[in-house]
């Protein structure tokens, strides 16, 4: 929120992540961060998938059957092998009603 989340969600996540990594460096630690998160402002759904190594936590998106909605989840949740698309590492996603 202090990083301007309402005005610039992607920039705010980037700035907050940078602050965490810099704090690790100042403490003499090798930065190690894994982040998968989703949040909304009531109009759009935002999600981020990031890691300082090559193993970012998973994040998937899918459109419900018959176009009844979309979702972003950490793991596919249906047993029928729905049309799940992996969101690539180091990604920021914005979903709107359009």
C-alpha atoms as a PDB file:
ATOM      1  CA  UNK A   1       0.000   0.000   0.000  1.00  0.00           C
ATOM      2  CA  UNK A   2       2.854   2.359   0.821  1.00  0.00           C
ATOM      3  CA  UNK A   3       4.293   1.646  -2.615  1.00  0.00           C
ATOM      4  CA  UNK A   4       1.297   3.056  -4.530  1.00  0.00           C
ATOM      5  CA  UNK A   5      -0.780  -0.090  -4.896  1.00  0.00           C
ATOM      6  CA  UNK A   6      -4.030   1.643  -5.816  1.00  0.00           C
ATOM      7  CA  UNK A   7      -2.497   3.823  -8.549  1.00  0.00           C
ATOM      8  CA  UNK A   8       0.091   1.396  -9.960  1.00  0.00           C
ATOM      9  CA  UNK A   9      -0.404  -2.232  -8.841  1.00  0.00           C
ATOM     10  CA  UNK A  10       2.398  -3.718 -10.940  1.00  0.00           C
ATOM     11  CA  UNK A  11       4.862  -0.979 -10.014  1.00  0.00           C
ATOM     12  CA  UNK A  12       3.909  -1.279  -6.338  1.00  0.00           C
ATOM     13  CA  UNK A  13       4.598  -5.021  -6.315  1.00  0.00           C
ATOM     14  CA  UNK A  14       7.913  -4.434  -8.088  1.00  0.00           C
ATOM     15  CA  UNK A  15       8.939  -1.697  -5.641  1.00  0.00           C
ATOM     16  CA  UNK A  16       7.929  -3.757  -2.594  1.00  0.00           C
ATOM     17  CA  UNK A  17       9.804  -6.787  -3.916  1.00  0.00           C
ATOM     18  CA  UNK A  18      12.885  -4.642  -4.515  1.00  0.00           C
ATOM     19  CA  UNK A  19      12.708  -3.371  -0.926  1.00  0.00           C
ATOM     20  CA  UNK A  20      12.651  -6.934   0.421  1.00  0.00           C
ATOM     21  CA  UNK A  21      15.591  -7.977  -1.761  1.00  0.00           C
ATOM     22  CA  UNK A  22      17.589  -4.887  -0.794  1.00  0.00           C
ATOM     23  CA  UNK A  23      16.919  -5.501   2.910  1.00  0.00           C
ATOM     24  CA  UNK A  24      18.315  -9.024   2.470  1.00  0.00           C
ATOM     25  CA  UNK A  25      21.455  -7.652   0.838  1.00  0.00           C
ATOM     26  CA  UNK A  26      21.939  -5.046   3.580  1.00  0.00           C
ATOM     27  CA  UNK A  27      21.694  -7.838   6.145  1.00  0.00           C
ATOM     28  CA  UNK A  28      24.477  -9.668   4.312  1.00  0.00           C
ATOM     29  CA  UNK A  29      22.193 -12.361   2.969  1.00  0.00           C
ATOM     30  CA  UNK A  30      21.809 -13.668  -0.540  1.00  0.00           C
ATOM     31  CA  UNK A  31      18.289 -12.598  -1.531  1.00  0.00           C
ATOM     32  CA  UNK A  32      15.933 -15.542  -1.839  1.00  0.00           C
ATOM     33  CA  UNK A  33      12.308 -14.769  -2.533  1.00  0.00           C
ATOM     34  CA  UNK A  34       9.419 -16.837  -3.867  1.00  0.00           C
ATOM     35  CA  UNK A  35       6.192 -14.961  -4.428  1.00  0.00           C
ATOM     36  CA  UNK A  36       2.842 -15.929  -5.853  1.00  0.00           C
ATOM     37  CA  UNK A  37      -0.028 -13.638  -4.941  1.00  0.00           C
ATOM     38  CA  UNK A  38      -3.392 -12.459  -6.188  1.00  0.00           C
ATOM     39  CA  UNK A  39      -5.306  -9.358  -5.122  1.00  0.00           C
ATOM     40  CA  UNK A  40      -8.150  -7.183  -6.335  1.00  0.00           C
ATOM     41  CA  UNK A  41      -9.305  -3.581  -6.176  1.00  0.00           C
ATOM     42  CA  UNK A  42     -12.912  -4.608  -6.841  1.00  0.00           C
ATOM     43  CA  UNK A  43     -12.627  -3.813 -10.547  1.00  0.00           C
ATOM     44  CA  UNK A  44      -9.665  -5.933 -11.643  1.00  0.00           C
ATOM     45  CA  UNK A  45      -7.887  -9.053 -10.435  1.00  0.00           C
ATOM     46  CA  UNK A  46      -4.095  -8.885 -10.291  1.00  0.00           C
ATOM     47  CA  UNK A  47      -1.635 -11.738  -9.830  1.00  0.00           C
ATOM     48  CA  UNK A  48       2.126 -12.071  -9.666  1.00  0.00           C
ATOM     49  CA  UNK A  49       4.458 -15.052 -10.041  1.00  0.00           C
ATOM     50  CA  UNK A  50       8.089 -14.394  -9.115  1.00  0.00           C
ATOM     51  CA  UNK A  51      11.201 -16.016  -7.656  1.00  0.00           C
ATOM     52  CA  UNK A  52      14.833 -15.047  -7.390  1.00  0.00           C
ATOM     53  CA  UNK A  53      15.724 -18.546  -8.566  1.00  0.00           C
ATOM     54  CA  UNK A  54      14.339 -20.649 -11.409  1.00  0.00           C
ATOM     55  CA  UNK A  55      11.636 -22.232  -9.248  1.00  0.00           C
ATOM     56  CA  UNK A  56       8.760 -19.768  -8.910  1.00  0.00           C
ATOM     57  CA  UNK A  57       5.648 -21.134  -7.192  1.00  0.00           C
ATOM     58  CA  UNK A  58       3.013 -22.180  -9.706  1.00  0.00           C
ATOM     59  CA  UNK A  59       0.163 -19.998 -10.905  1.00  0.00           C
ATOM     60  CA  UNK A  60      -2.543 -20.982 -13.397  1.00  0.00           C
ATOM     61  CA  UNK A  61      -5.445 -19.309 -15.145  1.00  0.00           C
ATOM     62  CA  UNK A  62      -8.520 -20.727 -16.821  1.00  0.00           C
ATOM     63  CA  UNK A  63     -11.810 -19.629 -18.327  1.00  0.00           C
ATOM     64  CA  UNK A  64     -14.807 -21.483 -16.919  1.00  0.00           C
ATOM     65  CA  UNK A  65     -16.890 -23.477 -19.326  1.00  0.00           C
ATOM     66  CA  UNK A  66     -19.313 -21.474 -21.427  1.00  0.00           C
ATOM     67  CA  UNK A  67     -17.404 -18.284 -20.604  1.00  0.00           C
ATOM     68  CA  UNK A  68     -19.015 -17.996 -17.162  1.00  0.00           C
ATOM     69  CA  UNK A  69     -15.908 -16.447 -15.593  1.00  0.00           C
ATOM     70  CA  UNK A  70     -12.167 -16.694 -15.161  1.00  0.00           C
ATOM     71  CA  UNK A  71      -9.913 -17.629 -12.281  1.00  0.00           C
ATOM     72  CA  UNK A  72      -6.315 -17.530 -11.142  1.00  0.00           C
ATOM     73  CA  UNK A  73      -5.177 -20.323  -8.817  1.00  0.00           C
ATOM     74  CA  UNK A  74      -1.984 -21.862  -7.458  1.00  0.00           C
ATOM     75  CA  UNK A  75      -2.959 -25.319  -8.739  1.00  0.00           C
ATOM     76  CA  UNK A  76      -5.648 -26.532 -11.173  1.00  0.00           C
ATOM     77  CA  UNK A  77      -8.622 -27.690  -9.117  1.00  0.00           C
ATOM     78  CA  UNK A  78     -10.772 -29.767 -11.457  1.00  0.00           C
ATOM     79  CA  UNK A  79     -10.307 -33.449 -12.111  1.00  0.00           C
ATOM     80  CA  UNK A  80     -11.391 -33.296 -15.720  1.00  0.00           C
ATOM     81  CA  UNK A  81      -8.176 -31.691 -16.934  1.00  0.00           C
ATOM     82  CA  UNK A  82      -9.706 -28.321 -17.762  1.00  0.00           C
ATOM     83  CA  UNK A  83      -8.102 -25.757 -20.001  1.00  0.00           C
ATOM     84  CA  UNK A  84      -5.489 -24.517 -17.523  1.00  0.00           C
ATOM     85  CA  UNK A  85      -2.697 -22.255 -18.716  1.00  0.00           C
ATOM     86  CA  UNK A  86       0.453 -21.851 -16.628  1.00  0.00           C
ATOM     87  CA  UNK A  87       1.392 -18.237 -16.040  1.00  0.00           C
ATOM     88  CA  UNK A  88       5.116 -17.885 -16.796  1.00  0.00           C
ATOM     89  CA  UNK A  89       7.605 -17.058 -14.019  1.00  0.00           C
ATOM     90  CA  UNK A  90       8.357 -13.355 -13.504  1.00  0.00           C
ATOM     91  CA  UNK A  91       4.864 -12.389 -14.665  1.00  0.00           C
ATOM     92  CA  UNK A  92       2.293  -9.854 -13.543  1.00  0.00           C
ATOM     93  CA  UNK A  93      -1.264 -10.488 -14.744  1.00  0.00           C
ATOM     94  CA  UNK A  94      -4.249  -8.144 -14.839  1.00  0.00           C
ATOM     95  CA  UNK A  95      -7.761  -9.504 -15.423  1.00  0.00           C
ATOM     96  CA  UNK A  96     -10.734  -7.233 -15.993  1.00  0.00           C
ATOM     97  CA  UNK A  97     -14.348  -7.885 -16.942  1.00  0.00           C
ATOM     98  CA  UNK A  98     -13.628  -6.982 -20.569  1.00  0.00           C
END
